[in-house]
Amino acid sequence: MELNKVYQEDCLTFMRRLPDNYFDLIITDPPYGIGADVNQEAAGGKHGWRSYGETNWDSSIPSKEVFDEMFRVSKNQIIWGGNYFTEYLPPRMCWLVWDKGQREFSLADGELAWTSFSKALRIFNMSRSSFKHGMNERREHPTQKPVKLGRWILKKFAKEGDLIFDPFAGSGSFLVASKQEGFSFVGCEINKGYCDIINTRLKQKTLNEVWGK
């Protein structure tokens, strides 16, 4: 397998070809099944991201087989939206919290990630407004995570030489973070438009560059 690239392919099909424990760490953000696809279309692009022809991608959560394959092909996992997938995820003490610093709004105060690690719960503080307006990180996906979050995760949970995998790469934030932190990585993204975005992001030297046009 060629490393440091994104494959345009359904992640379940992709993972079925891999041996056990091929990756050291999965960091991913699967669909939560909360209708972000519908909200994306209703917003008409006013939030800054664009539609690439995908439909019903957030109408349901991934199947049990997808989670089983993620556990099979990797030694450890960090899965955002873990509170939506409790039927497939065993109890663990180490959850991650992204504190979005938006108590005054009706939106969620943060997001949760399940991890396979036996460590203490950890909190990442970064306001939603700073991500949206102050990080020079152009948003192209309705559930996009900050690259800074990915780098924080890698510094705390990845070891030198680890191979990172994101089976739901989206706009590629965790792949960009892996590149910036010096880790080899592989990503899967079924949508060609987002694959193009990821490839453009991976070529940029800094987050300040305009990408994705």
C-alpha atoms as a PDB file:
ATOM      1  CA  MET A   1       0.000   0.000   0.000  1.00  0.00           C
ATOM      2  CA  GLU A   2       1.195   3.486  -0.821  1.00  0.00           C
ATOM      3  CA  LEU A   3       1.370   5.608   2.316  1.00  0.00           C
ATOM      4  CA  ASN A   4       0.699   9.308   2.860  1.00  0.00           C
ATOM      5  CA  LYS A   5      -2.285   9.483   0.550  1.00  0.00           C
ATOM      6  CA  VAL A   6      -6.066   9.317   0.522  1.00  0.00           C
ATOM      7  CA  TYR A   7      -7.880   6.544  -1.343  1.00  0.00           C
ATOM      8  CA  GLN A   8     -11.213   7.318  -2.971  1.00  0.00           C
ATOM      9  CA  GLU A   9     -13.033   4.200  -1.859  1.00  0.00           C
ATOM     10  CA  ASP A  10     -15.650   2.931   0.556  1.00  0.00           C
ATOM     11  CA  CYS A  11     -13.761   2.293   3.783  1.00  0.00           C
ATOM     12  CA  LEU A  12     -15.391  -1.081   4.449  1.00  0.00           C
ATOM     13  CA  THR A  13     -14.282  -2.415   1.065  1.00  0.00           C
ATOM     14  CA  PHE A  14     -10.824  -0.965   1.681  1.00  0.00           C
ATOM     15  CA  MET A  15     -10.406  -2.438   5.167  1.00  0.00           C
ATOM     16  CA  ARG A  16     -11.523  -5.914   4.131  1.00  0.00           C
ATOM     17  CA  ARG A  17      -8.310  -6.240   2.089  1.00  0.00           C
ATOM     18  CA  LEU A  18      -6.031  -5.452   5.015  1.00  0.00           C
ATOM     19  CA  PRO A  19      -4.384  -7.783   7.533  1.00  0.00           C
ATOM     20  CA  ASP A  20      -5.072  -7.562  11.255  1.00  0.00           C
ATOM     21  CA  ASN A  21      -3.459  -4.688  13.185  1.00  0.00           C
ATOM     22  CA  TYR A  22      -2.130  -3.077  10.026  1.00  0.00           C
ATOM     23  CA  PHE A  23      -2.434   0.427  11.504  1.00  0.00           C
ATOM     24  CA  ASP A  24      -1.191   1.606  14.870  1.00  0.00           C
ATOM     25  CA  LEU A  25      -3.885   4.215  15.430  1.00  0.00           C
ATOM     26  CA  ILE A  26      -7.192   5.186  13.865  1.00  0.00           C
ATOM     27  CA  ILE A  27      -8.325   8.778  14.342  1.00  0.00           C
ATOM     28  CA  THR A  28     -11.643   9.339  12.646  1.00  0.00           C
ATOM     29  CA  ASP A  29     -14.937  11.208  12.644  1.00  0.00           C
ATOM     30  CA  PRO A  30     -17.679   8.963  11.180  1.00  0.00           C
ATOM     31  CA  PRO A  31     -21.176  10.185  10.293  1.00  0.00           C
ATOM     32  CA  TYR A  32     -23.214  10.672  13.473  1.00  0.00           C
ATOM     33  CA  GLY A  33     -26.593  10.058  11.837  1.00  0.00           C
ATOM     34  CA  ILE A  34     -27.900  13.479  12.898  1.00  0.00           C
ATOM     35  CA  GLY A  35     -28.806  14.845   9.469  1.00  0.00           C
ATOM     36  CA  ALA A  36     -25.844  17.154   8.871  1.00  0.00           C
ATOM     37  CA  ASP A  37     -26.328  16.437   5.163  1.00  0.00           C
ATOM     38  CA  VAL A  38     -29.846  17.879   5.270  1.00  0.00           C
ATOM     39  CA  ASN A  39     -28.674  20.898   7.258  1.00  0.00           C
ATOM     40  CA  GLN A  40     -25.869  21.431   4.744  1.00  0.00           C
ATOM     41  CA  GLU A  41     -28.303  21.657   1.845  1.00  0.00           C
ATOM     42  CA  ALA A  42     -30.720  23.862   3.810  1.00  0.00           C
ATOM     43  CA  ALA A  43     -27.922  26.306   4.623  1.00  0.00           C
ATOM     44  CA  GLY A  44     -27.332  26.857   0.913  1.00  0.00           C
ATOM     45  CA  GLY A  45     -23.589  27.250   1.338  1.00  0.00           C
ATOM     46  CA  LYS A  46     -23.829  30.264   3.644  1.00  0.00           C
ATOM     47  CA  HIS A  47     -21.620  28.613   6.261  1.00  0.00           C
ATOM     48  CA  GLY A  48     -18.670  28.354   3.873  1.00  0.00           C
ATOM     49  CA  TRP A  49     -18.643  24.720   2.889  1.00  0.00           C
ATOM     50  CA  ARG A  50     -19.804  23.315  -0.400  1.00  0.00           C
ATOM     51  CA  SER A  51     -21.769  20.295  -1.489  1.00  0.00           C
ATOM     52  CA  TYR A  52     -20.076  17.767  -3.763  1.00  0.00           C
ATOM     53  CA  GLY A  53     -23.138  15.807  -4.765  1.00  0.00           C
ATOM     54  CA  GLU A  54     -23.238  13.551  -1.720  1.00  0.00           C
ATOM     55  CA  THR A  55     -26.699  12.699  -0.386  1.00  0.00           C
ATOM     56  CA  ASN A  56     -27.871  10.906   2.754  1.00  0.00           C
ATOM     57  CA  TRP A  57     -24.317  10.551   4.023  1.00  0.00           C
ATOM     58  CA  ASP A  58     -25.414  11.498   7.555  1.00  0.00           C
ATOM     59  CA  SER A  59     -28.787   9.748   7.631  1.00  0.00           C
ATOM     60  CA  SER A  60     -27.476   6.848   9.739  1.00  0.00           C
ATOM     61  CA  ILE A  61     -24.397   5.702  11.617  1.00  0.00           C
ATOM     62  CA  PRO A  62     -21.927   3.195  10.114  1.00  0.00           C
ATOM     63  CA  SER A  63     -22.779  -0.483  10.421  1.00  0.00           C
ATOM     64  CA  LYS A  64     -21.452  -2.859  13.068  1.00  0.00           C
ATOM     65  CA  GLU A  65     -19.289  -4.448  10.374  1.00  0.00           C
ATOM     66  CA  VAL A  66     -17.524  -1.132   9.807  1.00  0.00           C
ATOM     67  CA  PHE A  67     -16.706  -0.842  13.504  1.00  0.00           C
ATOM     68  CA  ASP A  68     -15.608  -4.485  13.641  1.00  0.00           C
ATOM     69  CA  GLU A  69     -13.235  -3.872  10.742  1.00  0.00           C
ATOM     70  CA  MET A  70     -11.840  -0.709  12.336  1.00  0.00           C
ATOM     71  CA  PHE A  71     -11.037  -2.712  15.478  1.00  0.00           C
ATOM     72  CA  ARG A  72      -9.522  -5.527  13.428  1.00  0.00           C
ATOM     73  CA  VAL A  73      -7.180  -3.464  11.247  1.00  0.00           C
ATOM     74  CA  SER A  74      -5.847  -1.173  14.003  1.00  0.00           C
ATOM     75  CA  LYS A  75      -4.236  -1.524  17.409  1.00  0.00           C
ATOM     76  CA  ASN A  76      -5.894   1.562  18.907  1.00  0.00           C
ATOM     77  CA  GLN A  77      -8.779   3.826  17.944  1.00  0.00           C
ATOM     78  CA  ILE A  78     -10.030   7.349  18.619  1.00  0.00           C
ATOM     79  CA  ILE A  79     -13.551   7.780  17.281  1.00  0.00           C
ATOM     80  CA  TRP A  80     -15.314  11.139  17.360  1.00  0.00           C
ATOM     81  CA  GLY A  81     -19.032  11.093  18.006  1.00  0.00           C
ATOM     82  CA  GLY A  82     -18.597   8.068  20.255  1.00  0.00           C
ATOM     83  CA  ASN A  83     -21.724   8.981  22.206  1.00  0.00           C
ATOM     84  CA  TYR A  84     -23.731   8.148  19.059  1.00  0.00           C
ATOM     85  CA  PHE A  85     -22.112   4.715  18.655  1.00  0.00           C
ATOM     86  CA  THR A  86     -22.407   3.240  22.158  1.00  0.00           C
ATOM     87  CA  GLU A  87     -24.079   0.081  20.820  1.00  0.00           C
ATOM     88  CA  TYR A  88     -20.797  -0.786  19.087  1.00  0.00           C
ATOM     89  CA  LEU A  89     -18.210   0.667  21.491  1.00  0.00           C
ATOM     90  CA  PRO A  90     -17.230  -1.024  24.773  1.00  0.00           C
ATOM     91  CA  PRO A  91     -16.897   1.039  27.976  1.00  0.00           C
ATOM     92  CA  ARG A  92     -13.605   2.892  28.312  1.00  0.00           C
ATOM     93  CA  MET A  93     -12.260   5.375  30.852  1.00  0.00           C
ATOM     94  CA  CYS A  94     -10.466   7.614  28.350  1.00  0.00           C
ATOM     95  CA  TRP A  95     -12.868   9.871  26.505  1.00  0.00           C
ATOM     96  CA  LEU A  96     -11.834  13.086  24.765  1.00  0.00           C
ATOM     97  CA  VAL A  97     -13.831  16.298  24.970  1.00  0.00           C
ATOM     98  CA  TRP A  98     -13.572  19.163  22.517  1.00  0.00           C
ATOM     99  CA  ASP A  99     -14.762  22.134  24.594  1.00  0.00           C
ATOM    100  CA  LYS A 100     -16.026  24.627  22.013  1.00  0.00           C
ATOM    101  CA  GLY A 101     -16.387  27.517  24.463  1.00  0.00           C
ATOM    102  CA  GLN A 102     -19.877  28.427  23.296  1.00  0.00           C
ATOM    103  CA  ARG A 103     -21.974  28.313  26.484  1.00  0.00           C
ATOM    104  CA  GLU A 104     -24.019  31.321  25.422  1.00  0.00           C
ATOM    105  CA  PHE A 105     -25.341  29.594  22.300  1.00  0.00           C
ATOM    106  CA  SER A 106     -27.984  26.908  21.843  1.00  0.00           C
ATOM    107  CA  LEU A 107     -25.473  24.670  20.045  1.00  0.00           C
ATOM    108  CA  ALA A 108     -23.653  21.872  21.878  1.00  0.00           C
ATOM    109  CA  ASP A 109     -20.965  22.921  24.348  1.00  0.00           C
ATOM    110  CA  GLY A 110     -18.602  20.390  22.798  1.00  0.00           C
ATOM    111  CA  GLU A 111     -18.065  17.037  21.131  1.00  0.00           C
ATOM    112  CA  LEU A 112     -16.993  13.655  22.507  1.00  0.00           C
ATOM    113  CA  ALA A 113     -14.575  11.043  21.238  1.00  0.00           C
ATOM    114  CA  TRP A 114     -14.355   7.443  22.422  1.00  0.00           C
ATOM    115  CA  THR A 115     -10.861   6.002  22.714  1.00  0.00           C
ATOM    116  CA  SER A 116      -9.456   2.517  23.218  1.00  0.00           C
ATOM    117  CA  PHE A 117      -6.872   3.822  25.703  1.00  0.00           C
ATOM    118  CA  SER A 118      -6.841   3.158  29.453  1.00  0.00           C
ATOM    119  CA  LYS A 119      -5.945   6.706  30.396  1.00  0.00           C
ATOM    120  CA  ALA A 120      -7.651   9.629  32.070  1.00  0.00           C
ATOM    121  CA  LEU A 121     -10.252  11.709  30.263  1.00  0.00           C
ATOM    122  CA  ARG A 122      -8.735  14.684  28.439  1.00  0.00           C
ATOM    123  CA  ILE A 123     -10.217  18.020  27.313  1.00  0.00           C
ATOM    124  CA  PHE A 124      -9.175  20.068  24.283  1.00  0.00           C
ATOM    125  CA  ASN A 125     -10.122  23.734  24.549  1.00  0.00           C
ATOM    126  CA  MET A 126     -10.702  25.636  21.342  1.00  0.00           C
ATOM    127  CA  SER A 127     -13.634  27.931  20.747  1.00  0.00           C
ATOM    128  CA  ARG A 128     -15.845  27.253  17.776  1.00  0.00           C
ATOM    129  CA  SER A 129     -15.625  30.915  16.795  1.00  0.00           C
ATOM    130  CA  SER A 130     -11.803  30.857  16.707  1.00  0.00           C
ATOM    131  CA  PHE A 131     -11.916  27.787  14.474  1.00  0.00           C
ATOM    132  CA  LYS A 132     -14.506  29.365  12.225  1.00  0.00           C
ATOM    133  CA  HIS A 133     -13.002  32.851  12.003  1.00  0.00           C
ATOM    134  CA  GLY A 134      -9.514  32.982  13.465  1.00  0.00           C
ATOM    135  CA  MET A 135      -7.479  29.947  12.418  1.00  0.00           C
ATOM    136  CA  ASN A 136      -7.054  30.700   8.700  1.00  0.00           C
ATOM    137  CA  GLU A 137      -8.297  27.181   8.108  1.00  0.00           C
ATOM    138  CA  ARG A 138     -10.876  27.268   5.391  1.00  0.00           C
ATOM    139  CA  ARG A 139     -13.913  25.088   6.121  1.00  0.00           C
ATOM    140  CA  GLU A 140     -15.104  22.819   3.344  1.00  0.00           C
ATOM    141  CA  HIS A 141     -17.079  20.196   5.277  1.00  0.00           C
ATOM    142  CA  PRO A 142     -20.073  20.611   7.617  1.00  0.00           C
ATOM    143  CA  THR A 143     -18.500  18.438  10.337  1.00  0.00           C
ATOM    144  CA  GLN A 144     -14.875  19.465   9.763  1.00  0.00           C
ATOM    145  CA  LYS A 145     -12.498  19.148  12.707  1.00  0.00           C
ATOM    146  CA  PRO A 146      -9.594  21.560  13.300  1.00  0.00           C
ATOM    147  CA  VAL A 147      -6.124  20.435  12.306  1.00  0.00           C
ATOM    148  CA  LYS A 148      -5.028  21.757  15.708  1.00  0.00           C
ATOM    149  CA  LEU A 149      -7.264  19.139  17.348  1.00  0.00           C
ATOM    150  CA  GLY A 150      -5.630  16.388  15.304  1.00  0.00           C
ATOM    151  CA  ARG A 151      -2.155  17.549  16.277  1.00  0.00           C
ATOM    152  CA  TRP A 152      -3.153  17.659  19.954  1.00  0.00           C
ATOM    153  CA  ILE A 153      -4.406  14.057  19.723  1.00  0.00           C
ATOM    154  CA  LEU A 154      -1.243  12.834  18.032  1.00  0.00           C
ATOM    155  CA  LYS A 155       1.011  14.471  20.620  1.00  0.00           C
ATOM    156  CA  LYS A 156      -0.888  12.777  23.440  1.00  0.00           C
ATOM    157  CA  PHE A 157      -1.659   9.349  21.997  1.00  0.00           C
ATOM    158  CA  ALA A 158       0.649   8.501  19.066  1.00  0.00           C
ATOM    159  CA  LYS A 159       4.161   7.140  19.324  1.00  0.00           C
ATOM    160  CA  GLU A 160       7.069   7.789  17.021  1.00  0.00           C
ATOM    161  CA  GLY A 161       6.793   5.583  13.944  1.00  0.00           C
ATOM    162  CA  ASP A 162       3.042   4.971  14.277  1.00  0.00           C
ATOM    163  CA  LEU A 163       0.991   4.535  11.104  1.00  0.00           C
ATOM    164  CA  ILE A 164      -2.244   6.568  11.262  1.00  0.00           C
ATOM    165  CA  PHE A 165      -5.505   5.751   9.480  1.00  0.00           C
ATOM    166  CA  ASP A 166      -8.672   7.783   8.962  1.00  0.00           C
ATOM    167  CA  PRO A 167     -11.404   5.715   7.248  1.00  0.00           C
ATOM    168  CA  PHE A 168     -13.816   8.685   7.117  1.00  0.00           C
ATOM    169  CA  ALA A 169     -11.385  11.369   6.020  1.00  0.00           C
ATOM    170  CA  GLY A 170     -13.876  14.094   5.008  1.00  0.00           C
ATOM    171  CA  SER A 171     -11.829  17.214   4.336  1.00  0.00           C
ATOM    172  CA  GLY A 172      -8.677  15.548   5.646  1.00  0.00           C
ATOM    173  CA  SER A 173      -7.923  17.451   8.861  1.00  0.00           C
ATOM    174  CA  PHE A 174      -6.505  14.400  10.665  1.00  0.00           C
ATOM    175  CA  LEU A 175      -4.374  13.495   7.640  1.00  0.00           C
ATOM    176  CA  VAL A 176      -2.990  17.034   7.469  1.00  0.00           C
ATOM    177  CA  ALA A 177      -2.270  16.886  11.198  1.00  0.00           C
ATOM    178  CA  SER A 178      -0.443  13.579  10.724  1.00  0.00           C
ATOM    179  CA  LYS A 179       1.709  15.057   7.986  1.00  0.00           C
ATOM    180  CA  GLN A 180       2.529  18.125  10.066  1.00  0.00           C
ATOM    181  CA  GLU A 181       3.499  15.978  13.067  1.00  0.00           C
ATOM    182  CA  GLY A 182       5.701  13.698  10.964  1.00  0.00           C
ATOM    183  CA  PHE A 183       3.537  10.545  10.973  1.00  0.00           C
ATOM    184  CA  SER A 184       2.884   8.260   8.032  1.00  0.00           C
ATOM    185  CA  PHE A 185      -0.813   8.008   7.262  1.00  0.00           C
ATOM    186  CA  VAL A 186      -3.532   6.595   5.043  1.00  0.00           C
ATOM    187  CA  GLY A 187      -7.043   7.908   4.505  1.00  0.00           C
ATOM    188  CA  CYS A 188     -10.271   6.757   2.873  1.00  0.00           C
ATOM    189  CA  GLU A 189     -12.924   9.098   1.502  1.00  0.00           C
ATOM    190  CA  ILE A 190     -15.666   7.928  -0.811  1.00  0.00           C
ATOM    191  CA  ASN A 191     -16.468  11.361  -2.255  1.00  0.00           C
ATOM    192  CA  LYS A 192     -14.221  12.578  -5.086  1.00  0.00           C
ATOM    193  CA  GLY A 193     -14.796  16.247  -4.299  1.00  0.00           C
ATOM    194  CA  TYR A 194     -13.470  15.825  -0.794  1.00  0.00           C
ATOM    195  CA  CYS A 195     -10.584  13.680  -2.017  1.00  0.00           C
ATOM    196  CA  ASP A 196      -9.566  16.586  -4.230  1.00  0.00           C
ATOM    197  CA  ILE A 197      -9.778  18.909  -1.226  1.00  0.00           C
ATOM    198  CA  ILE A 198      -7.617  16.578   0.854  1.00  0.00           C
ATOM    199  CA  ASN A 199      -4.967  16.294  -1.855  1.00  0.00           C
ATOM    200  CA  THR A 200      -4.824  20.081  -2.152  1.00  0.00           C
ATOM    201  CA  ARG A 201      -4.549  20.508   1.609  1.00  0.00           C
ATOM    202  CA  LEU A 202      -1.751  17.947   1.824  1.00  0.00           C
ATOM    203  CA  LYS A 203       0.269  19.978  -0.678  1.00  0.00           C
ATOM    204  CA  GLN A 204       0.075  23.240   1.244  1.00  0.00           C
ATOM    205  CA  LYS A 205       2.998  24.403   3.323  1.00  0.00           C
ATOM    206  CA  THR A 206       0.986  26.205   5.984  1.00  0.00           C
ATOM    207  CA  LEU A 207      -2.643  26.501   7.036  1.00  0.00           C
ATOM    208  CA  ASN A 208      -2.569  30.140   5.948  1.00  0.00           C
ATOM    209  CA  GLU A 209      -2.626  29.169   2.302  1.00  0.00           C
ATOM    210  CA  VAL A 210      -6.002  29.345   0.563  1.00  0.00           C
ATOM    211  CA  TRP A 211      -7.040  25.876  -0.515  1.00  0.00           C
ATOM    212  CA  GLY A 212      -9.987  24.060  -1.964  1.00  0.00           C
ATOM    213  CA  LYS A 213     -11.044  26.532  -4.644  1.00  0.00           C
END
